[in-house]
PDB file of N, CA and C in Angstrom:
ATOM      1  N   MET A   1       0.852  -1.180   0.000  1.00  0.00           N
ATOM      2  CA  MET A   1       0.000   0.000   0.000  1.00  0.00           C
ATOM      3  C   MET A   1       0.894   1.239   0.000  1.00  0.00           C
ATOM      4  N   TYR A   2       0.523   2.181  -0.848  1.00  0.00           N
ATOM      5  CA  TYR A   2       1.272   3.422  -0.920  1.00  0.00           C
ATOM      6  C   TYR A   2       0.969   4.295   0.292  1.00  0.00           C
ATOM      7  N   PHE A   3       1.941   5.125   0.655  1.00  0.00           N
ATOM      8  CA  PHE A   3       1.821   5.977   1.827  1.00  0.00           C
ATOM      9  C   PHE A   3       0.585   6.872   1.752  1.00  0.00           C
ATOM     10  N   PHE A   4       0.291   7.431   0.564  1.00  0.00           N
ATOM     11  CA  PHE A   4      -0.844   8.356   0.453  1.00  0.00           C
ATOM     12  C   PHE A   4      -2.191   7.645   0.545  1.00  0.00           C
ATOM     13  N   HIS A   5      -2.222   6.314   0.468  1.00  0.00           N
ATOM     14  CA  HIS A   5      -3.470   5.565   0.640  1.00  0.00           C
ATOM     15  C   HIS A   5      -3.776   5.273   2.106  1.00  0.00           C
ATOM     16  N   ARG A   6      -2.795   5.417   2.959  1.00  0.00           N
ATOM     17  CA  ARG A   6      -2.942   5.059   4.370  1.00  0.00           C
ATOM     18  C   ARG A   6      -4.110   5.778   5.065  1.00  0.00           C
ATOM     19  N   PRO A   7      -4.309   7.087   4.864  1.00  0.00           N
ATOM     20  CA  PRO A   7      -5.444   7.755   5.530  1.00  0.00           C
ATOM     21  C   PRO A   7      -6.802   7.177   5.123  1.00  0.00           C
ATOM     22  N   PHE A   8      -6.936   6.799   3.844  1.00  0.00           N
ATOM     23  CA  PHE A   8      -8.189   6.190   3.395  1.00  0.00           C
ATOM     24  C   PHE A   8      -8.408   4.856   4.089  1.00  0.00           C
ATOM     25  N   ARG A   9      -7.351   4.070   4.175  1.00  0.00           N
ATOM     26  CA  ARG A   9      -7.439   2.749   4.802  1.00  0.00           C
ATOM     27  C   ARG A   9      -7.818   2.887   6.275  1.00  0.00           C
ATOM     28  N   GLN A  10      -7.195   3.829   6.971  1.00  0.00           N
ATOM     29  CA  GLN A  10      -7.487   4.026   8.394  1.00  0.00           C
ATOM     30  C   GLN A  10      -8.923   4.487   8.601  1.00  0.00           C
ATOM     31  N   ALA A  11      -9.362   5.441   7.799  1.00  0.00           N
ATOM     32  CA  ALA A  11     -10.736   5.930   7.918  1.00  0.00           C
ATOM     33  C   ALA A  11     -11.726   4.820   7.591  1.00  0.00           C
ATOM     34  N   ALA A  12     -11.455   4.044   6.542  1.00  0.00           N
ATOM     35  CA  ALA A  12     -12.345   2.951   6.153  1.00  0.00           C
ATOM     36  C   ALA A  12     -12.411   1.895   7.249  1.00  0.00           C
ATOM     37  N   ASP A  13     -11.276   1.565   7.850  1.00  0.00           N
ATOM     38  CA  ASP A  13     -11.260   0.575   8.931  1.00  0.00           C
ATOM     39  C   ASP A  13     -12.113   1.030  10.111  1.00  0.00           C
ATOM     40  N   GLU A  14     -12.040   2.324  10.433  1.00  0.00           N
ATOM     41  CA  GLU A  14     -12.851   2.859  11.540  1.00  0.00           C
ATOM     42  C   GLU A  14     -14.340   2.791  11.207  1.00  0.00           C
ATOM     43  N   ILE A  15     -14.700   3.117   9.971  1.00  0.00           N
ATOM     44  CA  ILE A  15     -16.105   3.067   9.558  1.00  0.00           C
ATOM     45  C   ILE A  15     -16.613   1.628   9.567  1.00  0.00           C
ATOM     46  N   VAL A  16     -15.799   0.688   9.073  1.00  0.00           N
ATOM     47  CA  VAL A  16     -16.195  -0.723   9.088  1.00  0.00           C
ATOM     48  C   VAL A  16     -16.447  -1.180  10.521  1.00  0.00           C
ATOM     49  N   GLU A  17     -15.593  -0.768  11.430  1.00  0.00           N
ATOM     50  CA  GLU A  17     -15.772  -1.135  12.842  1.00  0.00           C
ATOM     51  C   GLU A  17     -17.110  -0.607  13.372  1.00  0.00           C
ATOM     52  N   GLN A  18     -17.444   0.629  13.041  1.00  0.00           N
ATOM     53  CA  GLN A  18     -18.720   1.208  13.476  1.00  0.00           C
ATOM     54  C   GLN A  18     -19.909   0.481  12.846  1.00  0.00           C
ATOM     55  N   ILE A  19     -19.767   0.119  11.571  1.00  0.00           N
ATOM     56  CA  ILE A  19     -20.828  -0.611  10.871  1.00  0.00           C
ATOM     57  C   ILE A  19     -21.074  -1.957  11.549  1.00  0.00           C
ATOM     58  N   MET A  20     -20.003  -2.632  11.897  1.00  0.00           N
ATOM     59  CA  MET A  20     -20.120  -3.933  12.542  1.00  0.00           C
ATOM     60  C   MET A  20     -20.723  -3.781  13.944  1.00  0.00           C
ATOM     61  N   GLU A  21     -20.317  -2.749  14.678  1.00  0.00           N
ATOM     62  CA  GLU A  21     -20.861  -2.508  16.022  1.00  0.00           C
ATOM     63  C   GLU A  21     -22.354  -2.219  15.983  1.00  0.00           C
ATOM     64  N   LYS A  22     -22.806  -1.522  14.931  1.00  0.00           N
ATOM     65  CA  LYS A  22     -24.238  -1.215  14.797  1.00  0.00           C
ATOM     66  C   LYS A  22     -25.043  -2.425  14.326  1.00  0.00           C
ATOM     67  N   GLY A  23     -24.360  -3.504  13.953  1.00  0.00           N
ATOM     68  CA  GLY A  23     -25.046  -4.706  13.499  1.00  0.00           C
ATOM     69  C   GLY A  23     -25.674  -4.553  12.132  1.00  0.00           C
ATOM     70  N   ILE A  24     -25.107  -3.717  11.298  1.00  0.00           N
ATOM     71  CA  ILE A  24     -25.650  -3.510   9.955  1.00  0.00           C
ATOM     72  C   ILE A  24     -25.253  -4.654   9.032  1.00  0.00           C
ATOM     73  N   VAL A  25     -24.009  -5.100   9.151  1.00  0.00           N
ATOM     74  CA  VAL A  25     -23.484  -6.167   8.296  1.00  0.00           C
ATOM     75  C   VAL A  25     -23.232  -7.408   9.150  1.00  0.00           C
ATOM     76  N   SER A  26     -23.541  -8.558   8.590  1.00  0.00           N
ATOM     77  CA  SER A  26     -23.364  -9.837   9.273  1.00  0.00           C
ATOM     78  C   SER A  26     -21.904 -10.087   9.630  1.00  0.00           C
ATOM     79  N   ASP A  27     -21.687 -10.685  10.784  1.00  0.00           N
ATOM     80  CA  ASP A  27     -20.330 -11.046  11.199  1.00  0.00           C
ATOM     81  C   ASP A  27     -19.708 -12.068  10.253  1.00  0.00           C
ATOM     82  N   ASP A  28     -20.540 -12.850   9.580  1.00  0.00           N
ATOM     83  CA  ASP A  28     -20.060 -13.884   8.661  1.00  0.00           C
ATOM     84  C   ASP A  28     -19.728 -13.334   7.283  1.00  0.00           C
ATOM     85  N   SER A  29     -19.990 -12.074   7.040  1.00  0.00           N
ATOM     86  CA  SER A  29     -19.747 -11.474   5.724  1.00  0.00           C
ATOM     87  C   SER A  29     -18.268 -11.225   5.499  1.00  0.00           C
ATOM     88  N   ASN A  30     -17.921 -11.038   4.235  1.00  0.00           N
ATOM     89  CA  ASN A  30     -16.547 -10.733   3.841  1.00  0.00           C
ATOM     90  C   ASN A  30     -16.344  -9.240   3.601  1.00  0.00           C
ATOM     91  N   PHE A  31     -17.200  -8.429   4.168  1.00  0.00           N
ATOM     92  CA  PHE A  31     -17.179  -6.995   3.908  1.00  0.00           C
ATOM     93  C   PHE A  31     -15.820  -6.378   4.222  1.00  0.00           C
ATOM     94  N   LEU A  32     -15.265  -6.660   5.389  1.00  0.00           N
ATOM     95  CA  LEU A  32     -13.974  -6.086   5.777  1.00  0.00           C
ATOM     96  C   LEU A  32     -12.883  -6.487   4.791  1.00  0.00           C
ATOM     97  N   GLN A  33     -12.849  -7.743   4.390  1.00  0.00           N
ATOM     98  CA  GLN A  33     -11.823  -8.208   3.452  1.00  0.00           C
ATOM     99  C   GLN A  33     -11.939  -7.507   2.103  1.00  0.00           C
ATOM    100  N   PHE A  34     -13.179  -7.314   1.628  1.00  0.00           N
ATOM    101  CA  PHE A  34     -13.364  -6.612   0.353  1.00  0.00           C
ATOM    102  C   PHE A  34     -12.886  -5.171   0.456  1.00  0.00           C
ATOM    103  N   VAL A  35     -13.223  -4.507   1.543  1.00  0.00           N
ATOM    104  CA  VAL A  35     -12.815  -3.105   1.723  1.00  0.00           C
ATOM    105  C   VAL A  35     -11.297  -3.009   1.822  1.00  0.00           C
ATOM    106  N   GLN A  36     -10.679  -3.907   2.577  1.00  0.00           N
ATOM    107  CA  GLN A  36      -9.228  -3.854   2.744  1.00  0.00           C
ATOM    108  C   GLN A  36      -8.480  -4.200   1.465  1.00  0.00           C
ATOM    109  N   SER A  37      -9.112  -4.920   0.560  1.00  0.00           N
ATOM    110  CA  SER A  37      -8.422  -5.358  -0.651  1.00  0.00           C
ATOM    111  C   SER A  37      -8.504  -4.356  -1.799  1.00  0.00           C
ATOM    112  N   GLN A  38      -9.355  -3.339  -1.697  1.00  0.00           N
ATOM    113  CA  GLN A  38      -9.527  -2.395  -2.803  1.00  0.00           C
ATOM    114  C   GLN A  38      -9.499  -0.958  -2.328  1.00  0.00           C
ATOM    115  N   ILE A  39      -8.542  -0.206  -2.858  1.00  0.00           N
ATOM    116  CA  ILE A  39      -8.404   1.198  -2.473  1.00  0.00           C
ATOM    117  C   ILE A  39      -9.636   2.001  -2.908  1.00  0.00           C
ATOM    118  N   SER A  40     -10.276   1.626  -4.006  1.00  0.00           N
ATOM    119  CA  SER A  40     -11.467   2.371  -4.447  1.00  0.00           C
ATOM    120  C   SER A  40     -12.595   2.249  -3.418  1.00  0.00           C
ATOM    121  N   LEU A  41     -12.743   1.068  -2.818  1.00  0.00           N
ATOM    122  CA  LEU A  41     -13.751   0.903  -1.769  1.00  0.00           C
ATOM    123  C   LEU A  41     -13.366   1.676  -0.510  1.00  0.00           C
ATOM    124  N   GLN A  42     -12.073   1.704  -0.202  1.00  0.00           N
ATOM    125  CA  GLN A  42     -11.604   2.449   0.967  1.00  0.00           C
ATOM    126  C   GLN A  42     -11.866   3.936   0.802  1.00  0.00           C
ATOM    127  N   LYS A  43     -11.588   4.471  -0.372  1.00  0.00           N
ATOM    128  CA  LYS A  43     -11.822   5.898  -0.634  1.00  0.00           C
ATOM    129  C   LYS A  43     -13.306   6.229  -0.525  1.00  0.00           C
ATOM    130  N   LYS A  44     -14.131   5.367  -1.116  1.00  0.00           N
ATOM    131  CA  LYS A  44     -15.569   5.600  -1.085  1.00  0.00           C
ATOM    132  C   LYS A  44     -16.102   5.532   0.347  1.00  0.00           C
ATOM    133  N   LEU A  45     -15.667   4.530   1.097  1.00  0.00           N
ATOM    134  CA  LEU A  45     -16.143   4.363   2.463  1.00  0.00           C
ATOM    135  C   LEU A  45     -15.612   5.451   3.391  1.00  0.00           C
ATOM    136  N   ALA A  46     -14.429   5.965   3.114  1.00  0.00           N
ATOM    137  CA  ALA A  46     -13.858   7.034   3.942  1.00  0.00           C
ATOM    138  C   ALA A  46     -14.758   8.271   3.957  1.00  0.00           C
ATOM    139  N   LYS A  47     -15.551   8.465   2.896  1.00  0.00           N
ATOM    140  CA  LYS A  47     -16.491   9.589   2.847  1.00  0.00           C
ATOM    141  C   LYS A  47     -17.539   9.495   3.948  1.00  0.00           C
ATOM    142  N   ALA A  48     -17.807   8.292   4.413  1.00  0.00           N
ATOM    143  CA  ALA A  48     -18.839   8.090   5.432  1.00  0.00           C
ATOM    144  C   ALA A  48     -18.467   8.739   6.758  1.00  0.00           C
ATOM    145  N   ALA A  49     -17.209   9.052   6.949  1.00  0.00           N
ATOM    146  CA  ALA A  49     -16.787   9.709   8.191  1.00  0.00           C
ATOM    147  C   ALA A  49     -17.483  11.051   8.362  1.00  0.00           C
ATOM    148  N   ASP A  50     -17.884  11.669   7.246  1.00  0.00           N
ATOM    149  CA  ASP A  50     -18.561  12.970   7.291  1.00  0.00           C
ATOM    150  C   ASP A  50     -20.081  12.850   7.350  1.00  0.00           C
ATOM    151  N   TYR A  51     -20.618  11.656   7.235  1.00  0.00           N
ATOM    152  CA  TYR A  51     -22.064  11.467   7.131  1.00  0.00           C
ATOM    153  C   TYR A  51     -22.770  11.267   8.461  1.00  0.00           C
ATOM    154  N   GLY A  52     -22.061  10.850   9.477  1.00  0.00           N
ATOM    155  CA  GLY A  52     -22.697  10.627  10.767  1.00  0.00           C
ATOM    156  C   GLY A  52     -23.456   9.311  10.810  1.00  0.00           C
ATOM    157  N   LEU A  53     -22.748   8.235  11.086  1.00  0.00           N
ATOM    158  CA  LEU A  53     -23.358   6.913  11.098  1.00  0.00           C
ATOM    159  C   LEU A  53     -24.433   6.758  12.164  1.00  0.00           C
ATOM    160  N   GLU A  54     -24.411   7.610  13.168  1.00  0.00           N
ATOM    161  CA  GLU A  54     -25.426   7.507  14.222  1.00  0.00           C
ATOM    162  C   GLU A  54     -26.831   7.789  13.692  1.00  0.00           C
ATOM    163  N   ARG A  55     -26.929   8.455  12.560  1.00  0.00           N
ATOM    164  CA  ARG A  55     -28.238   8.778  11.980  1.00  0.00           C
ATOM    165  C   ARG A  55     -28.806   7.637  11.141  1.00  0.00           C
ATOM    166  N   ILE A  56     -27.987   6.627  10.842  1.00  0.00           N
ATOM    167  CA  ILE A  56     -28.449   5.507  10.029  1.00  0.00           C
ATOM    168  C   ILE A  56     -29.402   4.645  10.837  1.00  0.00           C
ATOM    169  N   LYS A  57     -30.541   4.347  10.257  1.00  0.00           N
ATOM    170  CA  LYS A  57     -31.563   3.538  10.920  1.00  0.00           C
ATOM    171  C   LYS A  57     -31.530   2.130  10.336  1.00  0.00           C
ATOM    172  N   ARG A  58     -31.069   1.191  11.129  1.00  0.00           N
ATOM    173  CA  ARG A  58     -30.953  -0.198  10.674  1.00  0.00           C
ATOM    174  C   ARG A  58     -32.312  -0.750  10.240  1.00  0.00           C
ATOM    175  N   GLU A  59     -33.378  -0.383  10.945  1.00  0.00           N
ATOM    176  CA  GLU A  59     -34.713  -0.861  10.614  1.00  0.00           C
ATOM    177  C   GLU A  59     -35.134  -0.390   9.222  1.00  0.00           C
ATOM    178  N   ARG A  60     -34.739   0.826   8.874  1.00  0.00           N
ATOM    179  CA  ARG A  60     -35.078   1.373   7.553  1.00  0.00           C
ATOM    180  C   ARG A  60     -34.327   0.617   6.461  1.00  0.00           C
ATOM    181  N   ILE A  61     -33.072   0.274   6.727  1.00  0.00           N
ATOM    182  CA  ILE A  61     -32.289  -0.509   5.766  1.00  0.00           C
ATOM    183  C   ILE A  61     -32.966  -1.857   5.535  1.00  0.00           C
ATOM    184  N   GLU A  62     -33.364  -2.508   6.620  1.00  0.00           N
ATOM    185  CA  GLU A  62     -34.055  -3.800   6.516  1.00  0.00           C
ATOM    186  C   GLU A  62     -35.324  -3.665   5.674  1.00  0.00           C
ATOM    187  N   GLU A  63     -36.085  -2.614   5.925  1.00  0.00           N
ATOM    188  CA  GLU A  63     -37.331  -2.380   5.184  1.00  0.00           C
ATOM    189  C   GLU A  63     -37.061  -2.215   3.689  1.00  0.00           C
ATOM    190  N   LEU A  64     -36.047  -1.425   3.335  1.00  0.00           N
ATOM    191  CA  LEU A  64     -35.726  -1.190   1.927  1.00  0.00           C
ATOM    192  C   LEU A  64     -35.225  -2.452   1.239  1.00  0.00           C
ATOM    193  N   ILE A  65     -34.501  -3.275   1.960  1.00  0.00           N
ATOM    194  CA  ILE A  65     -34.043  -4.552   1.389  1.00  0.00           C
ATOM    195  C   ILE A  65     -35.228  -5.494   1.218  1.00  0.00           C
ATOM    196  N   ASN A  66     -36.080  -5.582   2.228  1.00  0.00           N
ATOM    197  CA  ASN A  66     -37.230  -6.490   2.168  1.00  0.00           C
ATOM    198  C   ASN A  66     -38.239  -6.101   1.089  1.00  0.00           C
ATOM    199  N   THR A  67     -38.323  -4.808   0.758  1.00  0.00           N
ATOM    200  CA  THR A  67     -39.254  -4.372  -0.295  1.00  0.00           C
ATOM    201  C   THR A  67     -38.618  -4.412  -1.684  1.00  0.00           C
ATOM    202  N   GLY A  68     -37.344  -4.750  -1.771  1.00  0.00           N
ATOM    203  CA  GLY A  68     -36.673  -4.854  -3.060  1.00  0.00           C
ATOM    204  C   GLY A  68     -36.044  -3.573  -3.561  1.00  0.00           C
ATOM    205  N   MET A  69     -36.119  -2.504  -2.796  1.00  0.00           N
ATOM    206  CA  MET A  69     -35.497  -1.236  -3.202  1.00  0.00           C
ATOM    207  C   MET A  69     -33.975  -1.390  -3.276  1.00  0.00           C
ATOM    208  N   ILE A  70     -33.408  -2.127  -2.345  1.00  0.00           N
ATOM    209  CA  ILE A  70     -31.965  -2.374  -2.308  1.00  0.00           C
ATOM    210  C   ILE A  70     -31.770  -3.874  -2.504  1.00  0.00           C
ATOM    211  N   ASN A  71     -30.966  -4.235  -3.496  1.00  0.00           N
ATOM    212  CA  ASN A  71     -30.778  -5.634  -3.865  1.00  0.00           C
ATOM    213  C   ASN A  71     -29.676  -6.295  -3.027  1.00  0.00           C
ATOM    214  N   LEU A  72     -29.982  -6.547  -1.763  1.00  0.00           N
ATOM    215  CA  LEU A  72     -29.082  -7.245  -0.853  1.00  0.00           C
ATOM    216  C   LEU A  72     -29.889  -8.274  -0.077  1.00  0.00           C
ATOM    217  N   GLN A  73     -29.183  -9.182   0.579  1.00  0.00           N
ATOM    218  CA  GLN A  73     -29.826 -10.217   1.385  1.00  0.00           C
ATOM    219  C   GLN A  73     -29.559  -9.956   2.864  1.00  0.00           C
ATOM    220  N   LEU A  74     -30.494 -10.387   3.703  1.00  0.00           N
ATOM    221  CA  LEU A  74     -30.351 -10.267   5.148  1.00  0.00           C
ATOM    222  C   LEU A  74     -30.209 -11.655   5.761  1.00  0.00           C
ATOM    223  N   ASP A  75     -29.460 -11.736   6.861  1.00  0.00           N
ATOM    224  CA  ASP A  75     -29.394 -12.997   7.593  1.00  0.00           C
ATOM    225  C   ASP A  75     -30.578 -13.075   8.556  1.00  0.00           C
ATOM    226  N   GLU A  76     -30.643 -14.127   9.356  1.00  0.00           N
ATOM    227  CA  GLU A  76     -31.786 -14.307  10.254  1.00  0.00           C
ATOM    228  C   GLU A  76     -31.863 -13.243  11.351  1.00  0.00           C
ATOM    229  N   GLN A  77     -30.774 -12.525  11.620  1.00  0.00           N
ATOM    230  CA  GLN A  77     -30.795 -11.427  12.596  1.00  0.00           C
ATOM    231  C   GLN A  77     -31.083 -10.074  11.952  1.00  0.00           C
ATOM    232  N   GLY A  78     -31.340 -10.056  10.631  1.00  0.00           N
ATOM    233  CA  GLY A  78     -31.640  -8.809   9.947  1.00  0.00           C
ATOM    234  C   GLY A  78     -30.418  -8.009   9.564  1.00  0.00           C
ATOM    235  N   ARG A  79     -29.248  -8.649   9.527  1.00  0.00           N
ATOM    236  CA  ARG A  79     -28.009  -7.971   9.130  1.00  0.00           C
ATOM    237  C   ARG A  79     -27.696  -8.298   7.675  1.00  0.00           C
ATOM    238  N   ILE A  80     -27.046  -7.388   6.987  1.00  0.00           N
ATOM    239  CA  ILE A  80     -26.724  -7.552   5.573  1.00  0.00           C
ATOM    240  C   ILE A  80     -25.658  -8.630   5.410  1.00  0.00           C
ATOM    241  N   VAL A  81     -25.904  -9.522   4.452  1.00  0.00           N
ATOM    242  CA  VAL A  81     -24.927 -10.551   4.085  1.00  0.00           C
ATOM    243  C   VAL A  81     -24.170 -10.032   2.869  1.00  0.00           C
ATOM    244  N   CYS A  82     -22.848  -9.971   2.976  1.00  0.00           N
ATOM    245  CA  CYS A  82     -22.006  -9.420   1.916  1.00  0.00           C
ATOM    246  C   CYS A  82     -20.995 -10.482   1.499  1.00  0.00           C
ATOM    247  N   THR A  83     -21.180 -11.037   0.298  1.00  0.00           N
ATOM    248  CA  THR A  83     -20.304 -12.125  -0.156  1.00  0.00           C
ATOM    249  C   THR A  83     -19.555 -11.812  -1.447  1.00  0.00           C
ATOM    250  N   THR A  84     -19.829 -10.654  -2.070  1.00  0.00           N
ATOM    251  CA  THR A  84     -19.142 -10.283  -3.310  1.00  0.00           C
ATOM    252  C   THR A  84     -18.688  -8.821  -3.231  1.00  0.00           C
ATOM    253  N   LYS A  85     -17.771  -8.458  -4.120  1.00  0.00           N
ATOM    254  CA  LYS A  85     -17.315  -7.062  -4.164  1.00  0.00           C
ATOM    255  C   LYS A  85     -18.456  -6.133  -4.575  1.00  0.00           C
ATOM    256  N   GLU A  86     -19.312  -6.590  -5.475  1.00  0.00           N
ATOM    257  CA  GLU A  86     -20.446  -5.753  -5.886  1.00  0.00           C
ATOM    258  C   GLU A  86     -21.379  -5.513  -4.701  1.00  0.00           C
ATOM    259  N   GLU A  87     -21.595  -6.528  -3.881  1.00  0.00           N
ATOM    260  CA  GLU A  87     -22.415  -6.338  -2.678  1.00  0.00           C
ATOM    261  C   GLU A  87     -21.723  -5.386  -1.708  1.00  0.00           C
ATOM    262  N   ALA A  88     -20.395  -5.450  -1.629  1.00  0.00           N
ATOM    263  CA  ALA A  88     -19.656  -4.517  -0.768  1.00  0.00           C
ATOM    264  C   ALA A  88     -19.860  -3.086  -1.247  1.00  0.00           C
ATOM    265  N   ARG A  89     -19.823  -2.868  -2.556  1.00  0.00           N
ATOM    266  CA  ARG A  89     -20.087  -1.523  -3.111  1.00  0.00           C
ATOM    267  C   ARG A  89     -21.502  -1.067  -2.751  1.00  0.00           C
ATOM    268  N   LEU A  90     -22.438  -1.974  -2.845  1.00  0.00           N
ATOM    269  CA  LEU A  90     -23.826  -1.657  -2.535  1.00  0.00           C
ATOM    270  C   LEU A  90     -23.992  -1.336  -1.050  1.00  0.00           C
ATOM    271  N   VAL A  91     -23.306  -2.081  -0.189  1.00  0.00           N
ATOM    272  CA  VAL A  91     -23.346  -1.798   1.255  1.00  0.00           C
ATOM    273  C   VAL A  91     -22.818  -0.395   1.508  1.00  0.00           C
ATOM    274  N   ILE A  92     -21.739  -0.032   0.835  1.00  0.00           N
ATOM    275  CA  ILE A  92     -21.174   1.314   1.005  1.00  0.00           C
ATOM    276  C   ILE A  92     -22.169   2.363   0.530  1.00  0.00           C
ATOM    277  N   ASP A  93     -22.877   2.098  -0.574  1.00  0.00           N
ATOM    278  CA  ASP A  93     -23.913   3.035  -1.022  1.00  0.00           C
ATOM    279  C   ASP A  93     -25.021   3.161   0.016  1.00  0.00           C
ATOM    280  N   VAL A  94     -25.345   2.076   0.679  1.00  0.00           N
ATOM    281  CA  VAL A  94     -26.338   2.131   1.765  1.00  0.00           C
ATOM    282  C   VAL A  94     -25.822   3.033   2.883  1.00  0.00           C
ATOM    283  N   ILE A  95     -24.587   2.839   3.290  1.00  0.00           N
ATOM    284  CA  ILE A  95     -23.990   3.630   4.373  1.00  0.00           C
ATOM    285  C   ILE A  95     -23.926   5.110   3.986  1.00  0.00           C
ATOM    286  N   LEU A  96     -23.631   5.376   2.709  1.00  0.00           N
ATOM    287  CA  LEU A  96     -23.544   6.762   2.238  1.00  0.00           C
ATOM    288  C   LEU A  96     -24.919   7.340   1.902  1.00  0.00           C
ATOM    289  N   ASP A  97     -25.969   6.551   2.106  1.00  0.00           N
ATOM    290  CA  ASP A  97     -27.348   7.003   1.859  1.00  0.00           C
ATOM    291  C   ASP A  97     -27.536   7.422   0.407  1.00  0.00           C
ATOM    292  N   ASN A  98     -27.038   6.589  -0.515  1.00  0.00           N
ATOM    293  CA  ASN A  98     -27.084   6.906  -1.943  1.00  0.00           C
ATOM    294  C   ASN A  98     -28.348   6.403  -2.627  1.00  0.00           C
ATOM    295  N   PHE A  99     -29.430   6.291  -1.893  1.00  0.00           N
ATOM    296  CA  PHE A  99     -30.706   5.877  -2.468  1.00  0.00           C
ATOM    297  C   PHE A  99     -31.715   6.981  -2.212  1.00  0.00           C
ATOM    298  N   VAL A 100     -32.349   7.439  -3.280  1.00  0.00           N
ATOM    299  CA  VAL A 100     -33.294   8.546  -3.149  1.00  0.00           C
ATOM    300  C   VAL A 100     -34.590   8.224  -3.889  1.00  0.00           C
ATOM    301  N   SER A 101     -35.633   8.921  -3.511  1.00  0.00           N
ATOM    302  CA  SER A 101     -36.931   8.808  -4.160  1.00  0.00           C
ATOM    303  C   SER A 101     -37.302  10.199  -4.654  1.00  0.00           C
ATOM    304  N   SER A 102     -37.707  10.279  -5.896  1.00  0.00           N
ATOM    305  CA  SER A 102     -38.060  11.567  -6.499  1.00  0.00           C
ATOM    306  C   SER A 102     -39.282  12.166  -5.810  1.00  0.00           C
ATOM    307  N   LEU A 103     -39.217  13.442  -5.498  1.00  0.00           N
ATOM    308  CA  LEU A 103     -40.350  14.142  -4.912  1.00  0.00           C
ATOM    309  C   LEU A 103     -41.442  14.401  -5.945  1.00  0.00           C
ATOM    310  N   ILE A 104     -41.075  14.362  -7.218  1.00  0.00           N
ATOM    311  CA  ILE A 104     -42.019  14.668  -8.282  1.00  0.00           C
ATOM    312  C   ILE A 104     -42.678  13.406  -8.834  1.00  0.00           C
ATOM    313  N   THR A 105     -41.873  12.391  -9.149  1.00  0.00           N
ATOM    314  CA  THR A 105     -42.408  11.190  -9.804  1.00  0.00           C
ATOM    315  C   THR A 105     -42.499   9.979  -8.882  1.00  0.00           C
ATOM    316  N   ASP A 106     -41.929  10.063  -7.697  1.00  0.00           N
ATOM    317  CA  ASP A 106     -41.809   8.934  -6.769  1.00  0.00           C
ATOM    318  C   ASP A 106     -40.924   7.815  -7.299  1.00  0.00           C
ATOM    319  N   ASP A 107     -40.227   8.041  -8.419  1.00  0.00           N
ATOM    320  CA  ASP A 107     -39.268   7.056  -8.910  1.00  0.00           C
ATOM    321  C   ASP A 107     -38.118   6.969  -7.925  1.00  0.00           C
ATOM    322  N   LYS A 108     -37.524   5.788  -7.848  1.00  0.00           N
ATOM    323  CA  LYS A 108     -36.434   5.564  -6.911  1.00  0.00           C
ATOM    324  C   LYS A 108     -35.118   5.473  -7.685  1.00  0.00           C
ATOM    325  N   TYR A 109     -34.066   6.072  -7.122  1.00  0.00           N
ATOM    326  CA  TYR A 109     -32.775   6.141  -7.786  1.00  0.00           C
ATOM    327  C   TYR A 109     -31.642   5.782  -6.840  1.00  0.00           C
ATOM    328  N   ARG A 110     -30.563   5.318  -7.445  1.00  0.00           N
ATOM    329  CA  ARG A 110     -29.290   5.178  -6.749  1.00  0.00           C
ATOM    330  C   ARG A 110     -28.501   6.416  -7.161  1.00  0.00           C
ATOM    331  N   ALA A 111     -28.320   7.337  -6.241  1.00  0.00           N
ATOM    332  CA  ALA A 111     -27.738   8.648  -6.550  1.00  0.00           C
ATOM    333  C   ALA A 111     -26.329   8.731  -5.978  1.00  0.00           C
ATOM    334  N   ILE A 112     -25.348   8.700  -6.853  1.00  0.00           N
ATOM    335  CA  ILE A 112     -23.961   8.715  -6.418  1.00  0.00           C
ATOM    336  C   ILE A 112     -23.524  10.131  -6.021  1.00  0.00           C
ATOM    337  N   ASN A 113     -23.866  11.110  -6.830  1.00  0.00           N
ATOM    338  CA  ASN A 113     -23.489  12.507  -6.546  1.00  0.00           C
ATOM    339  C   ASN A 113     -24.759  13.275  -6.205  1.00  0.00           C
ATOM    340  N   LYS A 114     -24.955  13.511  -4.937  1.00  0.00           N
ATOM    341  CA  LYS A 114     -26.169  14.210  -4.514  1.00  0.00           C
ATOM    342  C   LYS A 114     -25.796  15.385  -3.627  1.00  0.00           C
ATOM    343  N   MET A 115     -26.698  16.327  -3.550  1.00  0.00           N
ATOM    344  CA  MET A 115     -26.510  17.479  -2.691  1.00  0.00           C
ATOM    345  C   MET A 115     -27.752  17.598  -1.800  1.00  0.00           C
ATOM    346  N   ARG A 116     -27.540  17.768  -0.529  1.00  0.00           N
ATOM    347  CA  ARG A 116     -28.655  17.870   0.419  1.00  0.00           C
ATOM    348  C   ARG A 116     -29.427  19.158   0.198  1.00  0.00           C
ATOM    349  N   ILE A 117     -30.759  19.031   0.222  1.00  0.00           N
ATOM    350  CA  ILE A 117     -31.644  20.193   0.126  1.00  0.00           C
ATOM    351  C   ILE A 117     -32.020  20.593   1.543  1.00  0.00           C
ATOM    352  N   GLN A 118     -31.931  21.859   1.842  1.00  0.00           N
ATOM    353  CA  GLN A 118     -32.229  22.327   3.202  1.00  0.00           C
ATOM    354  C   GLN A 118     -33.692  22.442   3.442  1.00  0.00           C
TER     355      GLN A 118
END
């Protein structure tokens, strides 16, 4: 790992620890390994440090997965099962709150670049 990647890795490791403590991702998942193996996932997840994980509602995540809005699987405890890199990317999008519903059409989107409306 290059020296300039170290801050991303450290921030991502801290966020993963918080995600696991909140019980969002299953202990049996490979989420940590996927994040540690790809700098692009580390950079993306490092952004979550500014989002405030305390505001994430695990029950809402479960609801969105159960209704098919988010294409992930839950284990018997209601935690996300992450077994592929694509699922790891999707978990990070969940953490970054990259899912929105249009106020005009009610269409649902995965929004990578969004700006909060006051």
